[in-house]
C-alpha atoms as a PDB file:
ATOM      1  CA  UNK A   1      11.905   2.847  -9.920  1.00  0.00           C
ATOM      2  CA  UNK A   2      14.046   4.396  -7.134  1.00  0.00           C
ATOM      3  CA  UNK A   3      15.650   2.277  -4.516  1.00  0.00           C
ATOM      4  CA  UNK A   4      13.551   3.818  -1.865  1.00  0.00           C
ATOM      5  CA  UNK A   5      10.374   2.926  -3.866  1.00  0.00           C
ATOM      6  CA  UNK A   6      11.604  -0.638  -4.167  1.00  0.00           C
ATOM      7  CA  UNK A   7      11.926  -0.794  -0.392  1.00  0.00           C
ATOM      8  CA  UNK A   8       8.385   0.572  -0.027  1.00  0.00           C
ATOM      9  CA  UNK A   9       7.078  -2.138  -2.454  1.00  0.00           C
ATOM     10  CA  UNK A  10       8.906  -4.837  -0.622  1.00  0.00           C
ATOM     11  CA  UNK A  11       7.405  -3.723   2.595  1.00  0.00           C
ATOM     12  CA  UNK A  12       3.945  -3.555   1.150  1.00  0.00           C
ATOM     13  CA  UNK A  13       4.107  -6.954  -0.441  1.00  0.00           C
ATOM     14  CA  UNK A  14       3.040  -8.711   2.776  1.00  0.00           C
ATOM     15  CA  UNK A  15      -0.408  -8.667   4.038  1.00  0.00           C
ATOM     16  CA  UNK A  16       0.702  -8.528   7.630  1.00  0.00           C
ATOM     17  CA  UNK A  17       2.924  -5.490   7.036  1.00  0.00           C
ATOM     18  CA  UNK A  18      -0.045  -3.861   5.387  1.00  0.00           C
ATOM     19  CA  UNK A  19      -2.274  -4.735   8.265  1.00  0.00           C
ATOM     20  CA  UNK A  20       0.442  -3.188  10.669  1.00  0.00           C
ATOM     21  CA  UNK A  21       0.371   0.012   8.580  1.00  0.00           C
ATOM     22  CA  UNK A  22      -3.325   0.191   8.937  1.00  0.00           C
ATOM     23  CA  UNK A  23      -3.001  -0.019  12.694  1.00  0.00           C
ATOM     24  CA  UNK A  24      -0.198   2.577  12.805  1.00  0.00           C
ATOM     25  CA  UNK A  25      -2.413   4.937  10.644  1.00  0.00           C
ATOM     26  CA  UNK A  26      -4.705   5.167  13.725  1.00  0.00           C
ATOM     27  CA  UNK A  27      -2.023   5.706  16.266  1.00  0.00           C
ATOM     28  CA  UNK A  28       1.707   5.280  17.118  1.00  0.00           C
ATOM     29  CA  UNK A  29       2.415   1.923  18.880  1.00  0.00           C
ATOM     30  CA  UNK A  30       5.067   0.017  20.650  1.00  0.00           C
ATOM     31  CA  UNK A  31       6.097  -3.397  19.450  1.00  0.00           C
ATOM     32  CA  UNK A  32       4.051  -4.941  22.209  1.00  0.00           C
ATOM     33  CA  UNK A  33       0.973  -2.939  21.253  1.00  0.00           C
ATOM     34  CA  UNK A  34       1.312  -3.986  17.526  1.00  0.00           C
ATOM     35  CA  UNK A  35       1.938  -7.646  18.829  1.00  0.00           C
ATOM     36  CA  UNK A  36      -1.233  -7.680  20.780  1.00  0.00           C
ATOM     37  CA  UNK A  37      -3.224  -7.253  17.514  1.00  0.00           C
ATOM     38  CA  UNK A  38      -1.720 -10.361  15.745  1.00  0.00           C
ATOM     39  CA  UNK A  39      -1.380 -14.004  16.557  1.00  0.00           C
ATOM     40  CA  UNK A  40       2.394 -14.305  16.075  1.00  0.00           C
ATOM     41  CA  UNK A  41       5.297 -13.922  18.120  1.00  0.00           C
ATOM     42  CA  UNK A  42       6.826 -10.546  19.091  1.00  0.00           C
ATOM     43  CA  UNK A  43       9.905 -11.588  17.290  1.00  0.00           C
ATOM     44  CA  UNK A  44       7.922 -12.067  13.993  1.00  0.00           C
ATOM     45  CA  UNK A  45       6.271  -8.726  14.428  1.00  0.00           C
ATOM     46  CA  UNK A  46       9.742  -7.153  15.051  1.00  0.00           C
ATOM     47  CA  UNK A  47      10.865  -8.545  11.773  1.00  0.00           C
ATOM     48  CA  UNK A  48       7.888  -7.019  10.000  1.00  0.00           C
ATOM     49  CA  UNK A  49       8.541  -3.699  11.558  1.00  0.00           C
ATOM     50  CA  UNK A  50      12.218  -3.808  10.614  1.00  0.00           C
ATOM     51  CA  UNK A  51      11.179  -4.284   7.032  1.00  0.00           C
ATOM     52  CA  UNK A  52       8.618  -1.411   7.201  1.00  0.00           C
ATOM     53  CA  UNK A  53      11.408   0.710   8.694  1.00  0.00           C
ATOM     54  CA  UNK A  54      13.836  -0.220   5.924  1.00  0.00           C
ATOM     55  CA  UNK A  55      11.251   0.591   3.318  1.00  0.00           C
ATOM     56  CA  UNK A  56      10.940   4.053   5.248  1.00  0.00           C
ATOM     57  CA  UNK A  57       7.192   3.441   5.696  1.00  0.00           C
ATOM     58  CA  UNK A  58       7.500   3.644   9.537  1.00  0.00           C
ATOM     59  CA  UNK A  59      10.068   5.368  11.752  1.00  0.00           C
ATOM     60  CA  UNK A  60      10.974   4.251  15.265  1.00  0.00           C
ATOM     61  CA  UNK A  61      11.629   6.697  18.178  1.00  0.00           C
ATOM     62  CA  UNK A  62      12.832   5.893  21.564  1.00  0.00           C
ATOM     63  CA  UNK A  63      10.557   7.075  24.444  1.00  0.00           C
ATOM     64  CA  UNK A  64      12.127   5.921  27.705  1.00  0.00           C
ATOM     65  CA  UNK A  65      12.805   2.220  27.298  1.00  0.00           C
ATOM     66  CA  UNK A  66      10.061   1.803  24.752  1.00  0.00           C
ATOM     67  CA  UNK A  67      10.496   2.030  20.880  1.00  0.00           C
ATOM     68  CA  UNK A  68       7.496   3.733  19.401  1.00  0.00           C
ATOM     69  CA  UNK A  69       6.603   2.936  15.789  1.00  0.00           C
ATOM     70  CA  UNK A  70       5.053   5.772  13.655  1.00  0.00           C
ATOM     71  CA  UNK A  71       3.593   5.670  10.273  1.00  0.00           C
ATOM     72  CA  UNK A  72       5.534   7.748   7.702  1.00  0.00           C
ATOM     73  CA  UNK A  73       2.843   8.429   5.070  1.00  0.00           C
ATOM     74  CA  UNK A  74       5.055  10.626   2.951  1.00  0.00           C
ATOM     75  CA  UNK A  75       6.976   7.463   2.047  1.00  0.00           C
ATOM     76  CA  UNK A  76       3.782   5.909   0.587  1.00  0.00           C
ATOM     77  CA  UNK A  77       3.614   8.857  -1.787  1.00  0.00           C
ATOM     78  CA  UNK A  78       6.239   7.504  -4.160  1.00  0.00           C
ATOM     79  CA  UNK A  79       4.598   4.026  -4.334  1.00  0.00           C
ATOM     80  CA  UNK A  80       1.211   5.682  -4.954  1.00  0.00           C
ATOM     81  CA  UNK A  81       2.571   7.852  -7.689  1.00  0.00           C
ATOM     82  CA  UNK A  82       4.108   4.890  -9.449  1.00  0.00           C
ATOM     83  CA  UNK A  83       0.765   3.040  -9.098  1.00  0.00           C
ATOM     84  CA  UNK A  84      -1.125   6.021 -10.317  1.00  0.00           C
ATOM     85  CA  UNK A  85       0.606   5.919 -13.702  1.00  0.00           C
ATOM     86  CA  UNK A  86      -1.026   2.413 -14.208  1.00  0.00           C
ATOM     87  CA  UNK A  87      -4.342   3.732 -12.987  1.00  0.00           C
ATOM     88  CA  UNK A  88      -4.342   6.354 -15.898  1.00  0.00           C
ATOM     89  CA  UNK A  89      -3.153   3.694 -18.230  1.00  0.00           C
ATOM     90  CA  UNK A  90      -6.193   1.582 -17.447  1.00  0.00           C
ATOM     91  CA  UNK A  91      -8.557   4.537 -17.426  1.00  0.00           C
ATOM     92  CA  UNK A  92      -7.487   5.246 -21.041  1.00  0.00           C
ATOM     93  CA  UNK A  93      -7.720   1.597 -22.065  1.00  0.00           C
ATOM     94  CA  UNK A  94     -11.120   0.976 -20.482  1.00  0.00           C
ATOM     95  CA  UNK A  95     -12.502   4.282 -21.906  1.00  0.00           C
ATOM     96  CA  UNK A  96     -11.461   3.172 -25.422  1.00  0.00           C
ATOM     97  CA  UNK A  97     -13.147  -0.195 -24.794  1.00  0.00           C
ATOM     98  CA  UNK A  98     -16.272   1.442 -23.531  1.00  0.00           C
ATOM     99  CA  UNK A  99     -16.399   3.635 -26.591  1.00  0.00           C
ATOM    100  CA  UNK A 100     -15.853   0.500 -28.912  1.00  0.00           C
ATOM    101  CA  UNK A 101     -18.750  -1.316 -27.150  1.00  0.00           C
ATOM    102  CA  UNK A 102     -21.014   1.601 -27.479  1.00  0.00           C
ATOM    103  CA  UNK A 103     -20.193   1.900 -31.083  1.00  0.00           C
ATOM    104  CA  UNK A 104     -20.833  -1.799 -31.575  1.00  0.00           C
ATOM    105  CA  UNK A 105     -24.146  -1.655 -29.748  1.00  0.00           C
ATOM    106  CA  UNK A 106     -25.306   1.259 -31.829  1.00  0.00           C
ATOM    107  CA  UNK A 107     -24.425  -0.557 -35.019  1.00  0.00           C
ATOM    108  CA  UNK A 108     -26.261  -3.614 -33.770  1.00  0.00           C
ATOM    109  CA  UNK A 109     -29.271  -1.555 -32.857  1.00  0.00           C
ATOM    110  CA  UNK A 110     -29.431  -0.052 -36.509  1.00  0.00           C
ATOM    111  CA  UNK A 111     -29.084  -3.425 -37.985  1.00  0.00           C
ATOM    112  CA  UNK A 112     -32.077  -4.891 -36.026  1.00  0.00           C
ATOM    113  CA  UNK A 113     -34.474  -1.947 -36.793  1.00  0.00           C
END
């Protein structure tokens, strides 16, 4: 796993950070605007935003005196690709299990008739 993917997973590990990303998926926000959506201090929100920025899931841009936080969806792509590997793994395993169950049920049906 690449270092940048590790940062993304570290950032995604926390439910508050995932919620912040959901808010940022709607619109860019200042720290104050993000803070208004949570019952925690602005300092705590700032720490979460810093981890999201370190994971490259958001970028921060100055606009006058404000810092605007913006979702960087491309950074989510590497995490999604890594997870997709396991989705394919489970699709294969569950498909094999479904086939075995169908075969077993067909055998059981033959035995009872």
